[in-house]
Amino acid sequence: MQGCLWGEYLPTPERVSDMAFPRFIALAELANGRDRMSYGEFVERARAMSIRLSELGIRGRPIAG
């Protein structure tokens, strides 16, 4: 699996991080075999992961849902 950002111009490292997450969270879910989940369940897990990433100093856009 891949999660590319190569098709976009992202002028700052912060913007790259904002665009990379939650994309990589979703990619990790699919790579781990969670292809049959509801969107609501994904949003719950993605929000929890987003909090953990934030605590590690990794930026990302808020998870919409």
PDB file of N, CA and C in Angstrom:
ATOM      1  N   MET A   1       0.843  -1.178   0.000  1.00  0.00           N
ATOM      2  CA  MET A   1       0.000   0.000   0.000  1.00  0.00           C
ATOM      3  C   MET A   1       0.883   1.234   0.000  1.00  0.00           C
ATOM      4  N   GLN A   2       0.345   2.311  -0.564  1.00  0.00           N
ATOM      5  CA  GLN A   2       1.045   3.589  -0.586  1.00  0.00           C
ATOM      6  C   GLN A   2       0.086   4.700  -0.198  1.00  0.00           C
ATOM      7  N   GLY A   3       0.651   5.756   0.331  1.00  0.00           N
ATOM      8  CA  GLY A   3      -0.115   6.956   0.653  1.00  0.00           C
ATOM      9  C   GLY A   3       0.648   8.171   0.164  1.00  0.00           C
ATOM     10  N   CYS A   4       0.549   8.451  -1.099  1.00  0.00           N
ATOM     11  CA  CYS A   4       1.362   9.510  -1.726  1.00  0.00           C
ATOM     12  C   CYS A   4       0.739  10.893  -1.577  1.00  0.00           C
ATOM     13  N   LEU A   5       1.606  11.889  -1.525  1.00  0.00           N
ATOM     14  CA  LEU A   5       1.195  13.294  -1.555  1.00  0.00           C
ATOM     15  C   LEU A   5       1.859  13.994  -2.729  1.00  0.00           C
ATOM     16  N   TRP A   6       2.413  13.275  -3.651  1.00  0.00           N
ATOM     17  CA  TRP A   6       3.225  13.838  -4.712  1.00  0.00           C
ATOM     18  C   TRP A   6       2.469  14.698  -5.706  1.00  0.00           C
ATOM     19  N   GLY A   7       1.177  14.640  -5.760  1.00  0.00           N
ATOM     20  CA  GLY A   7       0.405  15.404  -6.738  1.00  0.00           C
ATOM     21  C   GLY A   7       0.032  16.793  -6.286  1.00  0.00           C
ATOM     22  N   GLU A   8       0.514  17.201  -5.139  1.00  0.00           N
ATOM     23  CA  GLU A   8       0.104  18.474  -4.582  1.00  0.00           C
ATOM     24  C   GLU A   8       1.308  19.345  -4.260  1.00  0.00           C
ATOM     25  N   TYR A   9       1.125  20.654  -4.345  1.00  0.00           N
ATOM     26  CA  TYR A   9       2.156  21.585  -3.891  1.00  0.00           C
ATOM     27  C   TYR A   9       1.845  21.917  -2.438  1.00  0.00           C
ATOM     28  N   LEU A  10       2.749  21.583  -1.571  1.00  0.00           N
ATOM     29  CA  LEU A  10       2.594  21.854  -0.146  1.00  0.00           C
ATOM     30  C   LEU A  10       3.791  22.688   0.297  1.00  0.00           C
ATOM     31  N   PRO A  11       3.596  23.984   0.522  1.00  0.00           N
ATOM     32  CA  PRO A  11       4.706  24.915   0.692  1.00  0.00           C
ATOM     33  C   PRO A  11       5.480  24.815   2.000  1.00  0.00           C
ATOM     34  N   THR A  12       4.908  24.211   3.026  1.00  0.00           N
ATOM     35  CA  THR A  12       5.595  24.156   4.323  1.00  0.00           C
ATOM     36  C   THR A  12       5.517  22.754   4.907  1.00  0.00           C
ATOM     37  N   PRO A  13       6.457  22.400   5.779  1.00  0.00           N
ATOM     38  CA  PRO A  13       6.379  21.100   6.453  1.00  0.00           C
ATOM     39  C   PRO A  13       5.083  20.942   7.259  1.00  0.00           C
ATOM     40  N   GLU A  14       4.589  22.031   7.812  1.00  0.00           N
ATOM     41  CA  GLU A  14       3.338  21.968   8.581  1.00  0.00           C
ATOM     42  C   GLU A  14       2.162  21.590   7.679  1.00  0.00           C
ATOM     43  N   ARG A  15       2.152  22.140   6.477  1.00  0.00           N
ATOM     44  CA  ARG A  15       1.070  21.828   5.530  1.00  0.00           C
ATOM     45  C   ARG A  15       1.157  20.374   5.072  1.00  0.00           C
ATOM     46  N   VAL A  16       2.367  19.864   4.889  1.00  0.00           N
ATOM     47  CA  VAL A  16       2.547  18.452   4.542  1.00  0.00           C
ATOM     48  C   VAL A  16       1.947  17.574   5.636  1.00  0.00           C
ATOM     49  N   SER A  17       2.255  17.895   6.880  1.00  0.00           N
ATOM     50  CA  SER A  17       1.722  17.132   8.005  1.00  0.00           C
ATOM     51  C   SER A  17       0.200  17.214   8.055  1.00  0.00           C
ATOM     52  N   ASP A  18      -0.337  18.429   7.831  1.00  0.00           N
ATOM     53  CA  ASP A  18      -1.797  18.598   7.834  1.00  0.00           C
ATOM     54  C   ASP A  18      -2.471  17.719   6.789  1.00  0.00           C
ATOM     55  N   MET A  19      -1.840  17.559   5.646  1.00  0.00           N
ATOM     56  CA  MET A  19      -2.429  16.766   4.570  1.00  0.00           C
ATOM     57  C   MET A  19      -2.158  15.265   4.738  1.00  0.00           C
ATOM     58  N   ALA A  20      -1.053  14.929   5.362  1.00  0.00           N
ATOM     59  CA  ALA A  20      -0.689  13.519   5.511  1.00  0.00           C
ATOM     60  C   ALA A  20      -1.586  12.798   6.513  1.00  0.00           C
ATOM     61  N   PHE A  21      -2.031  13.511   7.523  1.00  0.00           N
ATOM     62  CA  PHE A  21      -2.908  12.926   8.529  1.00  0.00           C
ATOM     63  C   PHE A  21      -4.239  13.641   8.429  1.00  0.00           C
ATOM     64  N   PRO A  22      -5.335  12.972   8.296  1.00  0.00           N
ATOM     65  CA  PRO A  22      -5.612  11.585   8.626  1.00  0.00           C
ATOM     66  C   PRO A  22      -5.444  10.584   7.474  1.00  0.00           C
ATOM     67  N   ARG A  23      -4.904  10.978   6.344  1.00  0.00           N
ATOM     68  CA  ARG A  23      -4.736  10.019   5.239  1.00  0.00           C
ATOM     69  C   ARG A  23      -3.994   8.763   5.670  1.00  0.00           C
ATOM     70  N   PHE A  24      -2.889   8.950   6.402  1.00  0.00           N
ATOM     71  CA  PHE A  24      -2.094   7.791   6.791  1.00  0.00           C
ATOM     72  C   PHE A  24      -2.794   6.950   7.850  1.00  0.00           C
ATOM     73  N   ILE A  25      -3.653   7.571   8.626  1.00  0.00           N
ATOM     74  CA  ILE A  25      -4.451   6.809   9.595  1.00  0.00           C
ATOM     75  C   ILE A  25      -5.384   5.869   8.819  1.00  0.00           C
ATOM     76  N   ALA A  26      -6.051   6.389   7.803  1.00  0.00           N
ATOM     77  CA  ALA A  26      -6.948   5.562   6.984  1.00  0.00           C
ATOM     78  C   ALA A  26      -6.170   4.483   6.242  1.00  0.00           C
ATOM     79  N   LEU A  27      -5.028   4.837   5.717  1.00  0.00           N
ATOM     80  CA  LEU A  27      -4.190   3.867   5.012  1.00  0.00           C
ATOM     81  C   LEU A  27      -3.773   2.725   5.939  1.00  0.00           C
ATOM     82  N   ALA A  28      -3.382   3.068   7.162  1.00  0.00           N
ATOM     83  CA  ALA A  28      -2.979   2.039   8.133  1.00  0.00           C
ATOM     84  C   ALA A  28      -4.144   1.104   8.449  1.00  0.00           C
ATOM     85  N   GLU A  29      -5.344   1.659   8.567  1.00  0.00           N
ATOM     86  CA  GLU A  29      -6.518   0.819   8.825  1.00  0.00           C
ATOM     87  C   GLU A  29      -6.723  -0.191   7.692  1.00  0.00           C
ATOM     88  N   LEU A  30      -6.631   0.287   6.456  1.00  0.00           N
ATOM     89  CA  LEU A  30      -6.825  -0.614   5.318  1.00  0.00           C
ATOM     90  C   LEU A  30      -5.703  -1.639   5.217  1.00  0.00           C
ATOM     91  N   ALA A  31      -4.480  -1.208   5.472  1.00  0.00           N
ATOM     92  CA  ALA A  31      -3.334  -2.124   5.398  1.00  0.00           C
ATOM     93  C   ALA A  31      -3.432  -3.227   6.447  1.00  0.00           C
ATOM     94  N   ASN A  32      -4.109  -2.934   7.551  1.00  0.00           N
ATOM     95  CA  ASN A  32      -4.261  -3.920   8.612  1.00  0.00           C
ATOM     96  C   ASN A  32      -5.524  -4.756   8.453  1.00  0.00           C
ATOM     97  N   GLY A  33      -6.146  -4.674   7.278  1.00  0.00           N
ATOM     98  CA  GLY A  33      -7.269  -5.547   6.994  1.00  0.00           C
ATOM     99  C   GLY A  33      -8.614  -5.054   7.460  1.00  0.00           C
ATOM    100  N   ARG A  34      -8.739  -3.779   7.757  1.00  0.00           N
ATOM    101  CA  ARG A  34     -10.032  -3.262   8.203  1.00  0.00           C
ATOM    102  C   ARG A  34     -10.789  -2.653   7.037  1.00  0.00           C
ATOM    103  N   ASP A  35     -11.078  -3.461   6.048  1.00  0.00           N
ATOM    104  CA  ASP A  35     -11.762  -2.949   4.862  1.00  0.00           C
ATOM    105  C   ASP A  35     -13.279  -3.002   4.986  1.00  0.00           C
ATOM    106  N   ARG A  36     -13.770  -3.647   6.008  1.00  0.00           N
ATOM    107  CA  ARG A  36     -15.221  -3.749   6.198  1.00  0.00           C
ATOM    108  C   ARG A  36     -15.629  -3.088   7.496  1.00  0.00           C
ATOM    109  N   MET A  37     -15.466  -1.800   7.535  1.00  0.00           N
ATOM    110  CA  MET A  37     -15.825  -1.056   8.729  1.00  0.00           C
ATOM    111  C   MET A  37     -16.789   0.053   8.349  1.00  0.00           C
ATOM    112  N   SER A  38     -17.522   0.502   9.313  1.00  0.00           N
ATOM    113  CA  SER A  38     -18.400   1.634   9.056  1.00  0.00           C
ATOM    114  C   SER A  38     -17.586   2.920   9.167  1.00  0.00           C
ATOM    115  N   TYR A  39     -18.041   3.944   8.478  1.00  0.00           N
ATOM    116  CA  TYR A  39     -17.348   5.227   8.536  1.00  0.00           C
ATOM    117  C   TYR A  39     -17.346   5.775   9.963  1.00  0.00           C
ATOM    118  N   GLY A  40     -18.447   5.609  10.676  1.00  0.00           N
ATOM    119  CA  GLY A  40     -18.533   6.079  12.060  1.00  0.00           C
ATOM    120  C   GLY A  40     -17.494   5.424  12.962  1.00  0.00           C
ATOM    121  N   GLU A  41     -17.294   4.122  12.783  1.00  0.00           N
ATOM    122  CA  GLU A  41     -16.280   3.416  13.568  1.00  0.00           C
ATOM    123  C   GLU A  41     -14.887   3.930  13.236  1.00  0.00           C
ATOM    124  N   PHE A  42     -14.644   4.171  11.943  1.00  0.00           N
ATOM    125  CA  PHE A  42     -13.346   4.704  11.545  1.00  0.00           C
ATOM    126  C   PHE A  42     -13.111   6.082  12.164  1.00  0.00           C
ATOM    127  N   VAL A  43     -14.120   6.938  12.127  1.00  0.00           N
ATOM    128  CA  VAL A  43     -13.969   8.292  12.670  1.00  0.00           C
ATOM    129  C   VAL A  43     -13.612   8.230  14.147  1.00  0.00           C
ATOM    130  N   GLU A  44     -14.254   7.343  14.892  1.00  0.00           N
ATOM    131  CA  GLU A  44     -13.935   7.185  16.321  1.00  0.00           C
ATOM    132  C   GLU A  44     -12.471   6.816  16.525  1.00  0.00           C
ATOM    133  N   ARG A  45     -12.006   5.807  15.799  1.00  0.00           N
ATOM    134  CA  ARG A  45     -10.614   5.369  15.941  1.00  0.00           C
ATOM    135  C   ARG A  45      -9.640   6.431  15.434  1.00  0.00           C
ATOM    136  N   ALA A  46     -10.001   7.101  14.343  1.00  0.00           N
ATOM    137  CA  ALA A  46      -9.125   8.129  13.785  1.00  0.00           C
ATOM    138  C   ALA A  46      -8.987   9.308  14.742  1.00  0.00           C
ATOM    139  N   ARG A  47     -10.055   9.693  15.403  1.00  0.00           N
ATOM    140  CA  ARG A  47      -9.978  10.788  16.385  1.00  0.00           C
ATOM    141  C   ARG A  47      -9.073  10.404  17.549  1.00  0.00           C
ATOM    142  N   ALA A  48      -9.191   9.174  18.012  1.00  0.00           N
ATOM    143  CA  ALA A  48      -8.322   8.710  19.099  1.00  0.00           C
ATOM    144  C   ALA A  48      -6.862   8.696  18.653  1.00  0.00           C
ATOM    145  N   MET A  49      -6.599   8.230  17.442  1.00  0.00           N
ATOM    146  CA  MET A  49      -5.229   8.206  16.934  1.00  0.00           C
ATOM    147  C   MET A  49      -4.707   9.621  16.737  1.00  0.00           C
ATOM    148  N   SER A  50      -5.554  10.517  16.289  1.00  0.00           N
ATOM    149  CA  SER A  50      -5.160  11.908  16.089  1.00  0.00           C
ATOM    150  C   SER A  50      -4.704  12.536  17.409  1.00  0.00           C
ATOM    151  N   ILE A  51      -5.380  12.223  18.487  1.00  0.00           N
ATOM    152  CA  ILE A  51      -4.992  12.727  19.809  1.00  0.00           C
ATOM    153  C   ILE A  51      -3.624  12.178  20.191  1.00  0.00           C
ATOM    154  N   ARG A  52      -3.418  10.881  19.965  1.00  0.00           N
ATOM    155  CA  ARG A  52      -2.113  10.279  20.273  1.00  0.00           C
ATOM    156  C   ARG A  52      -0.998  10.906  19.459  1.00  0.00           C
ATOM    157  N   LEU A  53      -1.245  11.116  18.176  1.00  0.00           N
ATOM    158  CA  LEU A  53      -0.236  11.742  17.321  1.00  0.00           C
ATOM    159  C   LEU A  53       0.067  13.163  17.784  1.00  0.00           C
ATOM    160  N   SER A  54      -0.965  13.888  18.173  1.00  0.00           N
ATOM    161  CA  SER A  54      -0.782  15.254  18.675  1.00  0.00           C
ATOM    162  C   SER A  54       0.093  15.262  19.923  1.00  0.00           C
ATOM    163  N   GLU A  55      -0.115  14.313  20.796  1.00  0.00           N
ATOM    164  CA  GLU A  55       0.704  14.206  22.008  1.00  0.00           C
ATOM    165  C   GLU A  55       2.165  13.927  21.678  1.00  0.00           C
ATOM    166  N   LEU A  56       2.418  13.330  20.511  1.00  0.00           N
ATOM    167  CA  LEU A  56       3.782  13.068  20.056  1.00  0.00           C
ATOM    168  C   LEU A  56       4.355  14.235  19.259  1.00  0.00           C
ATOM    169  N   GLY A  57       3.579  15.305  19.116  1.00  0.00           N
ATOM    170  CA  GLY A  57       4.040  16.471  18.391  1.00  0.00           C
ATOM    171  C   GLY A  57       3.824  16.400  16.896  1.00  0.00           C
ATOM    172  N   ILE A  58       2.959  15.472  16.437  1.00  0.00           N
ATOM    173  CA  ILE A  58       2.680  15.317  15.014  1.00  0.00           C
ATOM    174  C   ILE A  58       1.376  16.030  14.707  1.00  0.00           C
ATOM    175  N   ARG A  59       1.468  17.017  13.812  1.00  0.00           N
ATOM    176  CA  ARG A  59       0.292  17.794  13.425  1.00  0.00           C
ATOM    177  C   ARG A  59      -0.599  17.007  12.492  1.00  0.00           C
ATOM    178  N   GLY A  60      -1.835  17.429  12.407  1.00  0.00           N
ATOM    179  CA  GLY A  60      -2.750  16.871  11.439  1.00  0.00           C
ATOM    180  C   GLY A  60      -4.050  17.646  11.470  1.00  0.00           C
ATOM    181  N   ARG A  61      -4.796  17.569  10.399  1.00  0.00           N
ATOM    182  CA  ARG A  61      -6.087  18.247  10.363  1.00  0.00           C
ATOM    183  C   ARG A  61      -7.053  17.538  11.308  1.00  0.00           C
ATOM    184  N   PRO A  62      -8.026  18.288  11.837  1.00  0.00           N
ATOM    185  CA  PRO A  62      -9.059  17.639  12.656  1.00  0.00           C
ATOM    186  C   PRO A  62      -9.827  16.608  11.829  1.00  0.00           C
ATOM    187  N   ILE A  63     -10.282  15.561  12.486  1.00  0.00           N
ATOM    188  CA  ILE A  63     -11.024  14.506  11.827  1.00  0.00           C
ATOM    189  C   ILE A  63     -12.489  14.942  11.733  1.00  0.00           C
ATOM    190  N   ALA A  64     -12.987  15.054  10.520  1.00  0.00           N
ATOM    191  CA  ALA A  64     -14.397  15.410  10.312  1.00  0.00           C
ATOM    192  C   ALA A  64     -15.258  14.164  10.412  1.00  0.00           C
ATOM    193  N   GLY A  65     -16.471  14.315  10.722  1.00  0.00           N
ATOM    194  CA  GLY A  65     -17.295  13.134  10.768  1.00  0.00           C
ATOM    195  C   GLY A  65     -18.672  13.482  11.044  1.00  0.00           C
TER     196      GLY A  65
END
